[in-house]
Amino acid sequence: MPTVAVEKDTFFTHMGRTYTDEAFDELCFEFGIELDEITSEREEAQKSSTVKLSEAQISALSDKVVYKIDVPANRYDLLCVEGL
């Protein structure tokens, strides 16, 4: 399944409301998609084994929450924030 990474605040702005992480996970399940991971750019860089960044580069990355959402392969309309 393709995974779409969307910034939590931007996504909720498009939706016009906010959810807790647990409530959003349930909402995804109801619509047939899966909340795969909740992370940030900085966390991703720190745990990456393939990309080695300096501490200065890592500290410059965003701490904003990013939702990684698994989308069914046949739902190309859901591969962007507006589609979700």
N, C-alpha and C. Protein backbone atom coordinates (compact mmCIF):
# COMPACT_ATOMS: atom_id res chain seq x y z
N MET A 1 0.84 -1.19 0.00
CA MET A 1 0.00 0.00 0.00
C MET A 1 0.88 1.25 0.00
N PRO A 2 0.52 2.26 -0.77
CA PRO A 2 1.25 3.53 -0.72
C PRO A 2 1.02 4.21 0.63
N THR A 3 2.02 4.93 1.07
CA THR A 3 1.92 5.68 2.32
C THR A 3 2.01 7.16 2.02
N VAL A 4 1.06 7.92 2.54
CA VAL A 4 1.02 9.37 2.37
C VAL A 4 1.40 10.00 3.70
N ALA A 5 2.39 10.89 3.67
CA ALA A 5 2.80 11.62 4.88
C ALA A 5 2.18 13.01 4.83
N VAL A 6 1.38 13.34 5.84
CA VAL A 6 0.75 14.66 5.91
C VAL A 6 1.00 15.26 7.28
N GLU A 7 1.25 16.56 7.28
CA GLU A 7 1.44 17.27 8.54
C GLU A 7 0.09 17.38 9.25
N LYS A 8 0.08 17.01 10.50
CA LYS A 8 -1.16 16.94 11.28
C LYS A 8 -1.94 18.26 11.26
N ASP A 9 -1.28 19.37 11.56
CA ASP A 9 -1.98 20.66 11.63
C ASP A 9 -2.54 21.07 10.27
N THR A 10 -1.78 20.87 9.22
CA THR A 10 -2.25 21.20 7.87
C THR A 10 -3.45 20.34 7.49
N PHE A 11 -3.36 19.07 7.82
CA PHE A 11 -4.44 18.14 7.50
C PHE A 11 -5.72 18.52 8.24
N PHE A 12 -5.61 18.81 9.53
CA PHE A 12 -6.80 19.17 10.30
C PHE A 12 -7.36 20.52 9.86
N THR A 13 -6.52 21.42 9.38
CA THR A 13 -7.00 22.68 8.83
C THR A 13 -7.87 22.42 7.61
N HIS A 14 -7.43 21.52 6.74
CA HIS A 14 -8.22 21.15 5.56
C HIS A 14 -9.54 20.48 5.95
N MET A 15 -9.51 19.69 7.02
CA MET A 15 -10.71 18.99 7.46
C MET A 15 -11.69 19.92 8.19
N GLY A 16 -11.18 20.99 8.76
CA GLY A 16 -12.05 21.92 9.46
C GLY A 16 -12.33 21.54 10.91
N ARG A 17 -11.61 20.55 11.44
CA ARG A 17 -11.74 20.16 12.84
C ARG A 17 -10.52 19.38 13.28
N THR A 18 -10.41 19.11 14.56
CA THR A 18 -9.27 18.37 15.07
C THR A 18 -9.74 17.07 15.74
N TYR A 19 -8.82 16.12 15.84
CA TYR A 19 -9.08 14.84 16.48
C TYR A 19 -7.90 14.50 17.37
N THR A 20 -8.15 13.67 18.38
CA THR A 20 -7.05 13.08 19.12
C THR A 20 -6.43 12.02 18.22
N ASP A 21 -5.24 11.58 18.55
CA ASP A 21 -4.59 10.55 17.73
C ASP A 21 -5.42 9.27 17.68
N GLU A 22 -6.00 8.90 18.82
CA GLU A 22 -6.81 7.69 18.89
C GLU A 22 -8.09 7.83 18.07
N ALA A 23 -8.73 8.98 18.17
CA ALA A 23 -9.97 9.22 17.42
C ALA A 23 -9.69 9.27 15.92
N PHE A 24 -8.55 9.83 15.55
CA PHE A 24 -8.20 9.89 14.13
C PHE A 24 -7.90 8.49 13.59
N ASP A 25 -7.25 7.67 14.39
CA ASP A 25 -6.98 6.29 13.99
C ASP A 25 -8.28 5.54 13.74
N GLU A 26 -9.27 5.73 14.60
CA GLU A 26 -10.59 5.11 14.42
C GLU A 26 -11.28 5.64 13.16
N LEU A 27 -11.17 6.94 12.92
CA LEU A 27 -11.78 7.54 11.73
C LEU A 27 -11.16 6.95 10.46
N CYS A 28 -9.85 6.80 10.46
CA CYS A 28 -9.17 6.19 9.31
C CYS A 28 -9.71 4.79 9.07
N PHE A 29 -9.82 4.00 10.13
CA PHE A 29 -10.31 2.63 10.01
C PHE A 29 -11.72 2.60 9.41
N GLU A 30 -12.57 3.53 9.82
CA GLU A 30 -13.94 3.59 9.30
C GLU A 30 -13.96 3.84 7.80
N PHE A 31 -12.95 4.56 7.28
CA PHE A 31 -12.90 4.90 5.86
C PHE A 31 -12.00 3.96 5.06
N GLY A 32 -11.52 2.89 5.68
CA GLY A 32 -10.74 1.89 4.96
C GLY A 32 -9.30 2.24 4.70
N ILE A 33 -8.78 3.19 5.45
CA ILE A 33 -7.36 3.52 5.38
C ILE A 33 -6.76 3.28 6.76
N GLU A 34 -5.44 3.29 6.85
CA GLU A 34 -4.80 2.95 8.11
C GLU A 34 -3.77 4.00 8.50
N LEU A 35 -3.88 4.47 9.74
CA LEU A 35 -2.86 5.37 10.29
C LEU A 35 -1.67 4.50 10.65
N ASP A 36 -0.63 4.58 9.85
CA ASP A 36 0.52 3.69 10.00
C ASP A 36 1.46 4.16 11.10
N GLU A 37 1.73 5.47 11.16
CA GLU A 37 2.73 5.96 12.10
C GLU A 37 2.48 7.44 12.39
N ILE A 38 2.83 7.84 13.61
CA ILE A 38 2.80 9.25 14.00
C ILE A 38 4.23 9.62 14.33
N THR A 39 4.79 10.58 13.59
CA THR A 39 6.21 10.90 13.73
C THR A 39 6.44 12.38 13.42
N SER A 40 7.69 12.77 13.21
CA SER A 40 8.05 14.11 12.77
C SER A 40 9.28 14.00 11.88
N GLU A 41 9.61 15.06 11.16
CA GLU A 41 10.79 15.04 10.30
C GLU A 41 12.05 14.75 11.12
N ARG A 42 12.12 15.36 12.29
CA ARG A 42 13.30 15.18 13.13
C ARG A 42 13.42 13.73 13.61
N GLU A 43 12.31 13.14 14.06
CA GLU A 43 12.33 11.74 14.50
C GLU A 43 12.75 10.81 13.36
N GLU A 44 12.23 11.06 12.16
CA GLU A 44 12.56 10.24 11.01
C GLU A 44 14.06 10.30 10.71
N ALA A 45 14.63 11.49 10.77
CA ALA A 45 16.06 11.65 10.49
C ALA A 45 16.91 10.96 11.56
N GLN A 46 16.47 11.03 12.81
CA GLN A 46 17.24 10.42 13.89
C GLN A 46 17.24 8.90 13.82
N LYS A 47 16.15 8.31 13.38
CA LYS A 47 16.09 6.85 13.35
C LYS A 47 16.48 6.25 12.00
N SER A 48 16.77 7.10 11.01
CA SER A 48 17.15 6.61 9.69
C SER A 48 18.54 5.98 9.73
N SER A 49 18.64 4.80 9.13
CA SER A 49 19.93 4.14 9.05
C SER A 49 20.63 4.43 7.73
N THR A 50 19.91 4.99 6.76
CA THR A 50 20.50 5.25 5.45
C THR A 50 20.96 6.69 5.28
N VAL A 51 20.31 7.63 5.93
CA VAL A 51 20.67 9.04 5.80
C VAL A 51 21.35 9.49 7.08
N LYS A 52 22.58 9.93 6.95
CA LYS A 52 23.33 10.40 8.11
C LYS A 52 23.43 11.92 8.05
N LEU A 53 22.80 12.58 9.00
CA LEU A 53 22.82 14.03 9.08
C LEU A 53 23.58 14.46 10.32
N SER A 54 24.16 15.65 10.25
CA SER A 54 24.85 16.18 11.42
C SER A 54 23.81 16.63 12.44
N GLU A 55 24.27 16.85 13.66
CA GLU A 55 23.37 17.32 14.72
C GLU A 55 22.74 18.67 14.35
N ALA A 56 23.51 19.53 13.69
CA ALA A 56 22.98 20.84 13.27
C ALA A 56 21.87 20.67 12.24
N GLN A 57 22.07 19.75 11.30
CA GLN A 57 21.04 19.50 10.28
C GLN A 57 19.79 18.90 10.90
N ILE A 58 19.98 17.99 11.84
CA ILE A 58 18.83 17.37 12.50
C ILE A 58 18.06 18.39 13.33
N SER A 59 18.78 19.27 14.03
CA SER A 59 18.09 20.26 14.86
C SER A 59 17.34 21.28 14.01
N ALA A 60 17.71 21.43 12.74
CA ALA A 60 17.02 22.36 11.85
C ALA A 60 15.72 21.78 11.30
N LEU A 61 15.52 20.48 11.43
CA LEU A 61 14.30 19.85 10.92
C LEU A 61 13.11 20.14 11.82
N SER A 62 11.94 20.00 11.25
CA SER A 62 10.69 20.31 11.94
C SER A 62 10.32 19.28 13.00
N ASP A 63 9.73 19.77 14.09
CA ASP A 63 9.19 18.90 15.13
C ASP A 63 7.68 18.73 14.98
N LYS A 64 7.11 19.31 13.91
CA LYS A 64 5.66 19.21 13.71
C LYS A 64 5.27 17.75 13.49
N VAL A 65 4.13 17.38 14.04
CA VAL A 65 3.64 16.00 13.96
C VAL A 65 3.23 15.67 12.53
N VAL A 66 3.68 14.51 12.07
CA VAL A 66 3.36 14.02 10.73
C VAL A 66 2.64 12.69 10.86
N TYR A 67 1.49 12.58 10.19
CA TYR A 67 0.77 11.32 10.13
C TYR A 67 1.19 10.60 8.86
N LYS A 68 1.54 9.33 9.00
CA LYS A 68 1.80 8.49 7.83
C LYS A 68 0.60 7.58 7.67
N ILE A 69 -0.10 7.74 6.56
CA ILE A 69 -1.37 7.06 6.33
C ILE A 69 -1.22 6.09 5.17
N ASP A 70 -1.55 4.81 5.41
CA ASP A 70 -1.55 3.80 4.35
C ASP A 70 -2.84 3.90 3.57
N VAL A 71 -2.70 3.98 2.25
CA VAL A 71 -3.85 4.12 1.36
C VAL A 71 -3.91 2.88 0.47
N PRO A 72 -5.09 2.31 0.23
CA PRO A 72 -5.19 1.16 -0.68
C PRO A 72 -4.64 1.50 -2.07
N ALA A 73 -3.99 0.53 -2.69
CA ALA A 73 -3.33 0.76 -3.98
C ALA A 73 -4.29 1.20 -5.08
N ASN A 74 -5.55 0.85 -4.97
CA ASN A 74 -6.51 1.21 -6.02
C ASN A 74 -7.19 2.56 -5.76
N ARG A 75 -6.76 3.31 -4.75
CA ARG A 75 -7.38 4.60 -4.43
C ARG A 75 -6.41 5.75 -4.67
N TYR A 76 -6.12 6.01 -5.94
CA TYR A 76 -5.20 7.08 -6.30
C TYR A 76 -5.73 8.45 -5.93
N ASP A 77 -7.03 8.55 -5.75
CA ASP A 77 -7.63 9.83 -5.37
C ASP A 77 -7.28 10.22 -3.93
N LEU A 78 -6.73 9.30 -3.15
CA LEU A 78 -6.40 9.59 -1.75
C LEU A 78 -4.91 9.85 -1.53
N LEU A 79 -4.17 10.09 -2.60
CA LEU A 79 -2.72 10.25 -2.46
C LEU A 79 -2.28 11.69 -2.22
N CYS A 80 -3.19 12.55 -1.77
CA CYS A 80 -2.85 13.92 -1.43
C CYS A 80 -3.72 14.38 -0.27
N VAL A 81 -3.36 15.48 0.34
CA VAL A 81 -4.09 16.00 1.49
C VAL A 81 -5.55 16.26 1.12
N GLU A 82 -5.76 16.86 -0.03
CA GLU A 82 -7.13 17.20 -0.45
C GLU A 82 -7.98 15.95 -0.68
N GLY A 83 -7.37 14.89 -1.20
CA GLY A 83 -8.10 13.65 -1.44
C GLY A 83 -8.48 12.95 -0.15
N LEU A 84 -7.56 13.00 0.82
CA LEU A 84 -7.86 12.37 2.10
C LEU A 84 -8.98 13.10 2.79
